[in-house]
Amino acid sequence: MSVLRLVFLAMAIWGAIHPMYYFIAWFQAEGWALGPMIDAWYVNDATSGLVWDLTIAALALTVFVVAESVKQRNWIGLIAVPATFCIGVSCGLPLYLFLRKSS
């Protein structure tokens, strides 16, 4: 396995674990309902901007992953789509790059 692939894999793991630490801490403090977390995302203009920034990045990544997966017939790359929306772009993007470099 190349060094570049290992870097992408390490970043995907980091991008899954690090944000989840904060999400779980928030849920433990505030309760396990998703509604209050979504409300917190829009508490001010700075957080709203970050939410929209990440939403647009996630959508762009999804379009790219689907288009590339169809073109290259590398269906394993589609795993990055649920990783992006269930965990975040910080996991989905490096995961796709890791999976893409395998072909």
PDB file of N, CA and C in Angstrom:
ATOM      1  N   MET A   1       0.850  -1.168   0.000  1.00  0.00           N
ATOM      2  CA  MET A   1       0.000   0.000   0.000  1.00  0.00           C
ATOM      3  C   MET A   1       0.900   1.238   0.000  1.00  0.00           C
ATOM      4  N   SER A   2       0.570   2.190  -0.840  1.00  0.00           N
ATOM      5  CA  SER A   2       1.400   3.389  -0.967  1.00  0.00           C
ATOM      6  C   SER A   2       1.244   4.292   0.260  1.00  0.00           C
ATOM      7  N   VAL A   3       2.207   5.161   0.431  1.00  0.00           N
ATOM      8  CA  VAL A   3       2.175   6.119   1.541  1.00  0.00           C
ATOM      9  C   VAL A   3       0.965   7.037   1.402  1.00  0.00           C
ATOM     10  N   LEU A   4       0.661   7.455   0.182  1.00  0.00           N
ATOM     11  CA  LEU A   4      -0.476   8.345  -0.055  1.00  0.00           C
ATOM     12  C   LEU A   4      -1.787   7.683   0.364  1.00  0.00           C
ATOM     13  N   ARG A   5      -1.949   6.409   0.022  1.00  0.00           N
ATOM     14  CA  ARG A   5      -3.172   5.687   0.432  1.00  0.00           C
ATOM     15  C   ARG A   5      -3.254   5.606   1.944  1.00  0.00           C
ATOM     16  N   LEU A   6      -2.121   5.362   2.618  1.00  0.00           N
ATOM     17  CA  LEU A   6      -2.122   5.302   4.083  1.00  0.00           C
ATOM     18  C   LEU A   6      -2.490   6.649   4.690  1.00  0.00           C
ATOM     19  N   VAL A   7      -2.023   7.733   4.070  1.00  0.00           N
ATOM     20  CA  VAL A   7      -2.381   9.068   4.547  1.00  0.00           C
ATOM     21  C   VAL A   7      -3.883   9.284   4.420  1.00  0.00           C
ATOM     22  N   PHE A   8      -4.462   8.929   3.274  1.00  0.00           N
ATOM     23  CA  PHE A   8      -5.912   9.074   3.087  1.00  0.00           C
ATOM     24  C   PHE A   8      -6.691   8.223   4.085  1.00  0.00           C
ATOM     25  N   LEU A   9      -6.229   6.997   4.326  1.00  0.00           N
ATOM     26  CA  LEU A   9      -6.896   6.131   5.291  1.00  0.00           C
ATOM     27  C   LEU A   9      -6.823   6.723   6.695  1.00  0.00           C
ATOM     28  N   ALA A  10      -5.656   7.203   7.074  1.00  0.00           N
ATOM     29  CA  ALA A  10      -5.504   7.813   8.399  1.00  0.00           C
ATOM     30  C   ALA A  10      -6.402   9.040   8.543  1.00  0.00           C
ATOM     31  N   MET A  11      -6.506   9.843   7.485  1.00  0.00           N
ATOM     32  CA  MET A  11      -7.361  11.029   7.539  1.00  0.00           C
ATOM     33  C   MET A  11      -8.838  10.650   7.610  1.00  0.00           C
ATOM     34  N   ALA A  12      -9.233   9.581   6.923  1.00  0.00           N
ATOM     35  CA  ALA A  12     -10.627   9.118   7.001  1.00  0.00           C
ATOM     36  C   ALA A  12     -10.960   8.652   8.413  1.00  0.00           C
ATOM     37  N   ILE A  13     -10.044   7.927   9.031  1.00  0.00           N
ATOM     38  CA  ILE A  13     -10.268   7.463  10.405  1.00  0.00           C
ATOM     39  C   ILE A  13     -10.324   8.648  11.355  1.00  0.00           C
ATOM     40  N   TRP A  14      -9.382   9.564  11.206  1.00  0.00           N
ATOM     41  CA  TRP A  14      -9.378  10.770  12.030  1.00  0.00           C
ATOM     42  C   TRP A  14     -10.663  11.576  11.804  1.00  0.00           C
ATOM     43  N   GLY A  15     -11.073  11.687  10.541  1.00  0.00           N
ATOM     44  CA  GLY A  15     -12.284  12.429  10.202  1.00  0.00           C
ATOM     45  C   GLY A  15     -13.550  11.774  10.701  1.00  0.00           C
ATOM     46  N   ALA A  16     -13.490  10.501  11.045  1.00  0.00           N
ATOM     47  CA  ALA A  16     -14.637   9.818  11.649  1.00  0.00           C
ATOM     48  C   ALA A  16     -14.621   9.961  13.167  1.00  0.00           C
ATOM     49  N   ILE A  17     -13.461   9.783  13.764  1.00  0.00           N
ATOM     50  CA  ILE A  17     -13.371   9.749  15.222  1.00  0.00           C
ATOM     51  C   ILE A  17     -13.439  11.143  15.857  1.00  0.00           C
ATOM     52  N   HIS A  18     -12.675  12.076  15.338  1.00  0.00           N
ATOM     53  CA  HIS A  18     -12.578  13.393  15.970  1.00  0.00           C
ATOM     54  C   HIS A  18     -13.931  14.127  16.026  1.00  0.00           C
ATOM     55  N   PRO A  19     -14.650  14.262  14.925  1.00  0.00           N
ATOM     56  CA  PRO A  19     -15.958  14.925  15.018  1.00  0.00           C
ATOM     57  C   PRO A  19     -16.958  14.146  15.882  1.00  0.00           C
ATOM     58  N   MET A  20     -16.918  12.815  15.813  1.00  0.00           N
ATOM     59  CA  MET A  20     -17.850  12.013  16.610  1.00  0.00           C
ATOM     60  C   MET A  20     -17.649  12.237  18.101  1.00  0.00           C
ATOM     61  N   TYR A  21     -16.423  12.485  18.527  1.00  0.00           N
ATOM     62  CA  TYR A  21     -16.150  12.775  19.929  1.00  0.00           C
ATOM     63  C   TYR A  21     -17.006  13.959  20.388  1.00  0.00           C
ATOM     64  N   TYR A  22     -17.033  15.011  19.574  1.00  0.00           N
ATOM     65  CA  TYR A  22     -17.795  16.201  19.931  1.00  0.00           C
ATOM     66  C   TYR A  22     -19.303  15.976  19.821  1.00  0.00           C
ATOM     67  N   PHE A  23     -19.723  15.246  18.814  1.00  0.00           N
ATOM     68  CA  PHE A  23     -21.155  14.950  18.690  1.00  0.00           C
ATOM     69  C   PHE A  23     -21.652  14.138  19.879  1.00  0.00           C
ATOM     70  N   ILE A  24     -20.913  13.117  20.248  1.00  0.00           N
ATOM     71  CA  ILE A  24     -21.330  12.272  21.372  1.00  0.00           C
ATOM     72  C   ILE A  24     -21.314  13.066  22.673  1.00  0.00           C
ATOM     73  N   ALA A  25     -20.297  13.890  22.877  1.00  0.00           N
ATOM     74  CA  ALA A  25     -20.249  14.729  24.084  1.00  0.00           C
ATOM     75  C   ALA A  25     -21.459  15.659  24.130  1.00  0.00           C
ATOM     76  N   TRP A  26     -21.820  16.233  22.988  1.00  0.00           N
ATOM     77  CA  TRP A  26     -22.978  17.126  22.958  1.00  0.00           C
ATOM     78  C   TRP A  26     -24.262  16.353  23.277  1.00  0.00           C
ATOM     79  N   PHE A  27     -24.435  15.205  22.652  1.00  0.00           N
ATOM     80  CA  PHE A  27     -25.631  14.399  22.912  1.00  0.00           C
ATOM     81  C   PHE A  27     -25.706  13.965  24.368  1.00  0.00           C
ATOM     82  N   GLN A  28     -24.585  13.603  24.965  1.00  0.00           N
ATOM     83  CA  GLN A  28     -24.602  13.202  26.375  1.00  0.00           C
ATOM     84  C   GLN A  28     -24.993  14.369  27.275  1.00  0.00           C
ATOM     85  N   ALA A  29     -24.572  15.569  26.934  1.00  0.00           N
ATOM     86  CA  ALA A  29     -24.894  16.739  27.752  1.00  0.00           C
ATOM     87  C   ALA A  29     -26.309  17.256  27.514  1.00  0.00           C
ATOM     88  N   GLU A  30     -26.771  17.187  26.275  1.00  0.00           N
ATOM     89  CA  GLU A  30     -28.038  17.826  25.904  1.00  0.00           C
ATOM     90  C   GLU A  30     -29.188  16.860  25.666  1.00  0.00           C
ATOM     91  N   GLY A  31     -28.897  15.572  25.633  1.00  0.00           N
ATOM     92  CA  GLY A  31     -29.928  14.587  25.323  1.00  0.00           C
ATOM     93  C   GLY A  31     -29.741  14.052  23.913  1.00  0.00           C
ATOM     94  N   TRP A  32     -30.371  12.941  23.652  1.00  0.00           N
ATOM     95  CA  TRP A  32     -30.101  12.215  22.407  1.00  0.00           C
ATOM     96  C   TRP A  32     -31.087  12.541  21.278  1.00  0.00           C
ATOM     97  N   ALA A  33     -31.817  13.635  21.403  1.00  0.00           N
ATOM     98  CA  ALA A  33     -32.730  14.058  20.341  1.00  0.00           C
ATOM     99  C   ALA A  33     -31.953  14.846  19.283  1.00  0.00           C
ATOM    100  N   LEU A  34     -32.253  14.600  18.035  1.00  0.00           N
ATOM    101  CA  LEU A  34     -31.555  15.270  16.937  1.00  0.00           C
ATOM    102  C   LEU A  34     -32.035  16.709  16.736  1.00  0.00           C
ATOM    103  N   GLY A  35     -33.285  16.984  17.040  1.00  0.00           N
ATOM    104  CA  GLY A  35     -33.855  18.322  16.838  1.00  0.00           C
ATOM    105  C   GLY A  35     -33.080  19.444  17.513  1.00  0.00           C
ATOM    106  N   PRO A  36     -32.758  19.310  18.801  1.00  0.00           N
ATOM    107  CA  PRO A  36     -31.978  20.379  19.449  1.00  0.00           C
ATOM    108  C   PRO A  36     -30.585  20.575  18.834  1.00  0.00           C
ATOM    109  N   MET A  37     -29.989  19.514  18.318  1.00  0.00           N
ATOM    110  CA  MET A  37     -28.689  19.677  17.671  1.00  0.00           C
ATOM    111  C   MET A  37     -28.846  20.479  16.384  1.00  0.00           C
ATOM    112  N   ILE A  38     -29.861  20.186  15.619  1.00  0.00           N
ATOM    113  CA  ILE A  38     -30.100  20.943  14.381  1.00  0.00           C
ATOM    114  C   ILE A  38     -30.381  22.407  14.715  1.00  0.00           C
ATOM    115  N   ASP A  39     -31.145  22.647  15.780  1.00  0.00           N
ATOM    116  CA  ASP A  39     -31.380  24.031  16.214  1.00  0.00           C
ATOM    117  C   ASP A  39     -30.064  24.724  16.567  1.00  0.00           C
ATOM    118  N   ALA A  40     -29.153  24.006  17.209  1.00  0.00           N
ATOM    119  CA  ALA A  40     -27.858  24.583  17.595  1.00  0.00           C
ATOM    120  C   ALA A  40     -27.022  24.948  16.377  1.00  0.00           C
ATOM    121  N   TRP A  41     -27.210  24.240  15.271  1.00  0.00           N
ATOM    122  CA  TRP A  41     -26.459  24.541  14.060  1.00  0.00           C
ATOM    123  C   TRP A  41     -26.788  25.930  13.516  1.00  0.00           C
ATOM    124  N   TYR A  42     -27.968  26.421  13.832  1.00  0.00           N
ATOM    125  CA  TYR A  42     -28.426  27.702  13.292  1.00  0.00           C
ATOM    126  C   TYR A  42     -28.537  28.775  14.370  1.00  0.00           C
ATOM    127  N   VAL A  43     -27.744  28.661  15.429  1.00  0.00           N
ATOM    128  CA  VAL A  43     -27.833  29.588  16.553  1.00  0.00           C
ATOM    129  C   VAL A  43     -27.321  30.992  16.196  1.00  0.00           C
ATOM    130  N   ASN A  44     -26.416  31.088  15.232  1.00  0.00           N
ATOM    131  CA  ASN A  44     -25.944  32.405  14.794  1.00  0.00           C
ATOM    132  C   ASN A  44     -25.469  32.308  13.344  1.00  0.00           C
ATOM    133  N   ASP A  45     -25.074  33.432  12.793  1.00  0.00           N
ATOM    134  CA  ASP A  45     -24.671  33.462  11.385  1.00  0.00           C
ATOM    135  C   ASP A  45     -23.413  32.642  11.118  1.00  0.00           C
ATOM    136  N   ALA A  46     -22.499  32.593  12.072  1.00  0.00           N
ATOM    137  CA  ALA A  46     -21.264  31.828  11.877  1.00  0.00           C
ATOM    138  C   ALA A  46     -21.556  30.335  11.759  1.00  0.00           C
ATOM    139  N   THR A  47     -22.373  29.813  12.650  1.00  0.00           N
ATOM    140  CA  THR A  47     -22.686  28.378  12.575  1.00  0.00           C
ATOM    141  C   THR A  47     -23.547  28.073  11.369  1.00  0.00           C
ATOM    142  N   SER A  48     -24.461  28.974  11.026  1.00  0.00           N
ATOM    143  CA  SER A  48     -25.279  28.766   9.829  1.00  0.00           C
ATOM    144  C   SER A  48     -24.402  28.725   8.582  1.00  0.00           C
ATOM    145  N   GLY A  49     -23.408  29.600   8.515  1.00  0.00           N
ATOM    146  CA  GLY A  49     -22.485  29.601   7.379  1.00  0.00           C
ATOM    147  C   GLY A  49     -21.704  28.303   7.292  1.00  0.00           C
ATOM    148  N   LEU A  50     -21.245  27.803   8.426  1.00  0.00           N
ATOM    149  CA  LEU A  50     -20.522  26.527   8.426  1.00  0.00           C
ATOM    150  C   LEU A  50     -21.409  25.368   7.997  1.00  0.00           C
ATOM    151  N   VAL A  51     -22.658  25.371   8.463  1.00  0.00           N
ATOM    152  CA  VAL A  51     -23.595  24.309   8.071  1.00  0.00           C
ATOM    153  C   VAL A  51     -23.794  24.317   6.564  1.00  0.00           C
ATOM    154  N   TRP A  52     -24.022  25.506   5.991  1.00  0.00           N
ATOM    155  CA  TRP A  52     -24.233  25.582   4.544  1.00  0.00           C
ATOM    156  C   TRP A  52     -22.963  25.252   3.773  1.00  0.00           C
ATOM    157  N   ASP A  53     -21.821  25.674   4.285  1.00  0.00           N
ATOM    158  CA  ASP A  53     -20.549  25.348   3.647  1.00  0.00           C
ATOM    159  C   ASP A  53     -20.368  23.831   3.572  1.00  0.00           C
ATOM    160  N   LEU A  54     -20.585  23.149   4.671  1.00  0.00           N
ATOM    161  CA  LEU A  54     -20.417  21.695   4.703  1.00  0.00           C
ATOM    162  C   LEU A  54     -21.508  20.966   3.916  1.00  0.00           C
ATOM    163  N   THR A  55     -22.712  21.508   3.912  1.00  0.00           N
ATOM    164  CA  THR A  55     -23.794  20.887   3.141  1.00  0.00           C
ATOM    165  C   THR A  55     -23.485  20.947   1.644  1.00  0.00           C
ATOM    166  N   ILE A  56     -23.049  22.100   1.177  1.00  0.00           N
ATOM    167  CA  ILE A  56     -22.714  22.240  -0.241  1.00  0.00           C
ATOM    168  C   ILE A  56     -21.515  21.368  -0.597  1.00  0.00           C
ATOM    169  N   ALA A  57     -20.522  21.312   0.281  1.00  0.00           N
ATOM    170  CA  ALA A  57     -19.359  20.451   0.038  1.00  0.00           C
ATOM    171  C   ALA A  57     -19.777  18.982  -0.004  1.00  0.00           C
ATOM    172  N   ALA A  58     -20.676  18.579   0.885  1.00  0.00           N
ATOM    173  CA  ALA A  58     -21.149  17.190   0.905  1.00  0.00           C
ATOM    174  C   ALA A  58     -21.911  16.858  -0.376  1.00  0.00           C
ATOM    175  N   LEU A  59     -22.741  17.774  -0.841  1.00  0.00           N
ATOM    176  CA  LEU A  59     -23.482  17.539  -2.085  1.00  0.00           C
ATOM    177  C   LEU A  59     -22.539  17.468  -3.284  1.00  0.00           C
ATOM    178  N   ALA A  60     -21.553  18.371  -3.338  1.00  0.00           N
ATOM    179  CA  ALA A  60     -20.582  18.345  -4.443  1.00  0.00           C
ATOM    180  C   ALA A  60     -19.780  17.043  -4.424  1.00  0.00           C
ATOM    181  N   LEU A  61     -19.365  16.614  -3.239  1.00  0.00           N
ATOM    182  CA  LEU A  61     -18.636  15.355  -3.121  1.00  0.00           C
ATOM    183  C   LEU A  61     -19.493  14.187  -3.574  1.00  0.00           C
ATOM    184  N   THR A  62     -20.762  14.195  -3.208  1.00  0.00           N
ATOM    185  CA  THR A  62     -21.664  13.107  -3.594  1.00  0.00           C
ATOM    186  C   THR A  62     -21.826  13.033  -5.111  1.00  0.00           C
ATOM    187  N   VAL A  63     -22.039  14.174  -5.744  1.00  0.00           N
ATOM    188  CA  VAL A  63     -22.164  14.194  -7.207  1.00  0.00           C
ATOM    189  C   VAL A  63     -20.885  13.657  -7.850  1.00  0.00           C
ATOM    190  N   PHE A  64     -19.734  14.091  -7.353  1.00  0.00           N
ATOM    191  CA  PHE A  64     -18.456  13.634  -7.894  1.00  0.00           C
ATOM    192  C   PHE A  64     -18.274  12.133  -7.685  1.00  0.00           C
ATOM    193  N   VAL A  65     -18.548  11.648  -6.478  1.00  0.00           N
ATOM    194  CA  VAL A  65     -18.375  10.221  -6.178  1.00  0.00           C
ATOM    195  C   VAL A  65     -19.273   9.368  -7.058  1.00  0.00           C
ATOM    196  N   VAL A  66     -20.525   9.757  -7.189  1.00  0.00           N
ATOM    197  CA  VAL A  66     -21.457   8.975  -8.017  1.00  0.00           C
ATOM    198  C   VAL A  66     -21.009   8.993  -9.478  1.00  0.00           C
ATOM    199  N   ALA A  67     -20.668  10.162  -9.995  1.00  0.00           N
ATOM    200  CA  ALA A  67     -20.235  10.267 -11.399  1.00  0.00           C
ATOM    201  C   ALA A  67     -18.975   9.449 -11.651  1.00  0.00           C
ATOM    202  N   GLU A  68     -17.996   9.555 -10.768  1.00  0.00           N
ATOM    203  CA  GLU A  68     -16.748   8.806 -10.933  1.00  0.00           C
ATOM    204  C   GLU A  68     -16.959   7.304 -10.762  1.00  0.00           C
ATOM    205  N   SER A  69     -17.814   6.930  -9.819  1.00  0.00           N
ATOM    206  CA  SER A  69     -18.070   5.505  -9.594  1.00  0.00           C
ATOM    207  C   SER A  69     -18.746   4.869 -10.804  1.00  0.00           C
ATOM    208  N   VAL A  70     -19.676   5.587 -11.410  1.00  0.00           N
ATOM    209  CA  VAL A  70     -20.338   5.083 -12.611  1.00  0.00           C
ATOM    210  C   VAL A  70     -19.343   5.020 -13.769  1.00  0.00           C
ATOM    211  N   LYS A  71     -18.579   6.085 -13.950  1.00  0.00           N
ATOM    212  CA  LYS A  71     -17.615   6.148 -15.048  1.00  0.00           C
ATOM    213  C   LYS A  71     -16.541   5.061 -14.922  1.00  0.00           C
ATOM    214  N   GLN A  72     -15.987   4.906 -13.727  1.00  0.00           N
ATOM    215  CA  GLN A  72     -14.899   3.954 -13.511  1.00  0.00           C
ATOM    216  C   GLN A  72     -15.390   2.548 -13.143  1.00  0.00           C
ATOM    217  N   ARG A  73     -16.691   2.429 -12.893  1.00  0.00           N
ATOM    218  CA  ARG A  73     -17.282   1.168 -12.422  1.00  0.00           C
ATOM    219  C   ARG A  73     -16.574   0.675 -11.152  1.00  0.00           C
ATOM    220  N   ASN A  74     -16.243   1.628 -10.303  1.00  0.00           N
ATOM    221  CA  ASN A  74     -15.618   1.353  -9.019  1.00  0.00           C
ATOM    222  C   ASN A  74     -16.684   1.550  -7.941  1.00  0.00           C
ATOM    223  N   TRP A  75     -17.544   0.557  -7.795  1.00  0.00           N
ATOM    224  CA  TRP A  75     -18.729   0.677  -6.951  1.00  0.00           C
ATOM    225  C   TRP A  75     -18.390   0.795  -5.465  1.00  0.00           C
ATOM    226  N   ILE A  76     -17.230   0.312  -5.059  1.00  0.00           N
ATOM    227  CA  ILE A  76     -16.846   0.395  -3.651  1.00  0.00           C
ATOM    228  C   ILE A  76     -16.720   1.853  -3.207  1.00  0.00           C
ATOM    229  N   GLY A  77     -16.419   2.730  -4.151  1.00  0.00           N
ATOM    230  CA  GLY A  77     -16.307   4.154  -3.834  1.00  0.00           C
ATOM    231  C   GLY A  77     -17.595   4.765  -3.322  1.00  0.00           C
ATOM    232  N   LEU A  78     -18.724   4.134  -3.642  1.00  0.00           N
ATOM    233  CA  LEU A  78     -20.017   4.651  -3.193  1.00  0.00           C
ATOM    234  C   LEU A  78     -20.178   4.601  -1.676  1.00  0.00           C
ATOM    235  N   ILE A  79     -19.328   3.845  -0.999  1.00  0.00           N
ATOM    236  CA  ILE A  79     -19.363   3.801   0.465  1.00  0.00           C
ATOM    237  C   ILE A  79     -19.112   5.197   1.045  1.00  0.00           C
ATOM    238  N   ALA A  80     -18.420   6.032   0.295  1.00  0.00           N
ATOM    239  CA  ALA A  80     -18.121   7.382   0.770  1.00  0.00           C
ATOM    240  C   ALA A  80     -19.369   8.251   0.899  1.00  0.00           C
ATOM    241  N   VAL A  81     -20.434   7.936   0.171  1.00  0.00           N
ATOM    242  CA  VAL A  81     -21.651   8.759   0.238  1.00  0.00           C
ATOM    243  C   VAL A  81     -22.317   8.649   1.609  1.00  0.00           C
ATOM    244  N   PRO A  82     -22.656   7.448   2.099  1.00  0.00           N
ATOM    245  CA  PRO A  82     -23.233   7.412   3.447  1.00  0.00           C
ATOM    246  C   PRO A  82     -22.242   7.866   4.520  1.00  0.00           C
ATOM    247  N   ALA A  83     -20.953   7.632   4.317  1.00  0.00           N
ATOM    248  CA  ALA A  83     -19.962   8.113   5.289  1.00  0.00           C
ATOM    249  C   ALA A  83     -19.998   9.636   5.363  1.00  0.00           C
ATOM    250  N   THR A  84     -20.190  10.282   4.226  1.00  0.00           N
ATOM    251  CA  THR A  84     -20.244  11.746   4.188  1.00  0.00           C
ATOM    252  C   THR A  84     -21.461  12.271   4.938  1.00  0.00           C
ATOM    253  N   PHE A  85     -22.628  11.671   4.718  1.00  0.00           N
ATOM    254  CA  PHE A  85     -23.846  12.202   5.318  1.00  0.00           C
ATOM    255  C   PHE A  85     -24.095  11.697   6.738  1.00  0.00           C
ATOM    256  N   CYS A  86     -23.525  10.564   7.104  1.00  0.00           N
ATOM    257  CA  CYS A  86     -23.707  10.053   8.471  1.00  0.00           C
ATOM    258  C   CYS A  86     -22.600  10.515   9.409  1.00  0.00           C
ATOM    259  N   ILE A  87     -21.423  10.770   8.878  1.00  0.00           N
ATOM    260  CA  ILE A  87     -20.296  11.195   9.709  1.00  0.00           C
ATOM    261  C   ILE A  87     -19.897  12.616   9.346  1.00  0.00           C
ATOM    262  N   GLY A  88     -19.556  12.838   8.085  1.00  0.00           N
ATOM    263  CA  GLY A  88     -19.184  14.176   7.658  1.00  0.00           C
ATOM    264  C   GLY A  88     -18.227  14.148   6.488  1.00  0.00           C
ATOM    265  N   VAL A  89     -18.042  15.305   5.900  1.00  0.00           N
ATOM    266  CA  VAL A  89     -17.119  15.451   4.776  1.00  0.00           C
ATOM    267  C   VAL A  89     -15.702  15.099   5.223  1.00  0.00           C
ATOM    268  N   SER A  90     -15.390  15.348   6.484  1.00  0.00           N
ATOM    269  CA  SER A  90     -14.050  15.064   7.003  1.00  0.00           C
ATOM    270  C   SER A  90     -13.715  13.583   6.968  1.00  0.00           C
ATOM    271  N   CYS A  91     -14.719  12.743   6.899  1.00  0.00           N
ATOM    272  CA  CYS A  91     -14.510  11.298   6.744  1.00  0.00           C
ATOM    273  C   CYS A  91     -14.740  10.873   5.292  1.00  0.00           C
ATOM    274  N   GLY A  92     -15.816  11.357   4.690  1.00  0.00           N
ATOM    275  CA  GLY A  92     -16.205  10.911   3.355  1.00  0.00           C
ATOM    276  C   GLY A  92     -15.195  11.215   2.265  1.00  0.00           C
ATOM    277  N   LEU A  93     -14.625  12.415   2.280  1.00  0.00           N
ATOM    278  CA  LEU A  93     -13.666  12.784   1.230  1.00  0.00           C
ATOM    279  C   LEU A  93     -12.381  11.956   1.300  1.00  0.00           C
ATOM    280  N   PRO A  94     -11.699  11.896   2.446  1.00  0.00           N
ATOM    281  CA  PRO A  94     -10.488  11.067   2.452  1.00  0.00           C
ATOM    282  C   PRO A  94     -10.781   9.579   2.255  1.00  0.00           C
ATOM    283  N   LEU A  95     -11.960   9.123   2.695  1.00  0.00           N
ATOM    284  CA  LEU A  95     -12.326   7.725   2.458  1.00  0.00           C
ATOM    285  C   LEU A  95     -12.452   7.459   0.967  1.00  0.00           C
ATOM    286  N   TYR A  96     -13.122   8.361   0.246  1.00  0.00           N
ATOM    287  CA  TYR A  96     -13.237   8.166  -1.197  1.00  0.00           C
ATOM    288  C   TYR A  96     -11.878   8.200  -1.871  1.00  0.00           C
ATOM    289  N   LEU A  97     -11.023   9.125  -1.472  1.00  0.00           N
ATOM    290  CA  LEU A  97      -9.688   9.196  -2.069  1.00  0.00           C
ATOM    291  C   LEU A  97      -8.895   7.933  -1.781  1.00  0.00           C
ATOM    292  N   PHE A  98      -9.046   7.393  -0.591  1.00  0.00           N
ATOM    293  CA  PHE A  98      -8.399   6.108  -0.257  1.00  0.00           C
ATOM    294  C   PHE A  98      -8.928   4.988  -1.157  1.00  0.00           C
ATOM    295  N   LEU A  99     -10.240   4.905  -1.291  1.00  0.00           N
ATOM    296  CA  LEU A  99     -10.843   3.846  -2.097  1.00  0.00           C
ATOM    297  C   LEU A  99     -10.535   4.038  -3.583  1.00  0.00           C
ATOM    298  N   ARG A 100     -10.475   5.253  -4.019  1.00  0.00           N
ATOM    299  CA  ARG A 100     -10.207   5.555  -5.434  1.00  0.00           C
ATOM    300  C   ARG A 100      -8.779   5.175  -5.818  1.00  0.00           C
ATOM    301  N   LYS A 101      -7.842   5.389  -4.927  1.00  0.00           N
ATOM    302  CA  LYS A 101      -6.455   5.066  -5.207  1.00  0.00           C
ATOM    303  C   LYS A 101      -6.209   3.562  -5.280  1.00  0.00           C
ATOM    304  N   SER A 102      -7.185   2.770  -4.832  1.00  0.00           N
ATOM    305  CA  SER A 102      -7.008   1.317  -4.852  1.00  0.00           C
ATOM    306  C   SER A 102      -7.206   0.739  -6.242  1.00  0.00           C
ATOM    307  N   SER A 103      -7.885   1.511  -7.091  1.00  0.00           N
ATOM    308  CA  SER A 103      -8.166   0.977  -8.441  1.00  0.00           C
ATOM    309  C   SER A 103      -7.198   1.480  -9.467  1.00  0.00           C
TER     310      SER A 103
END
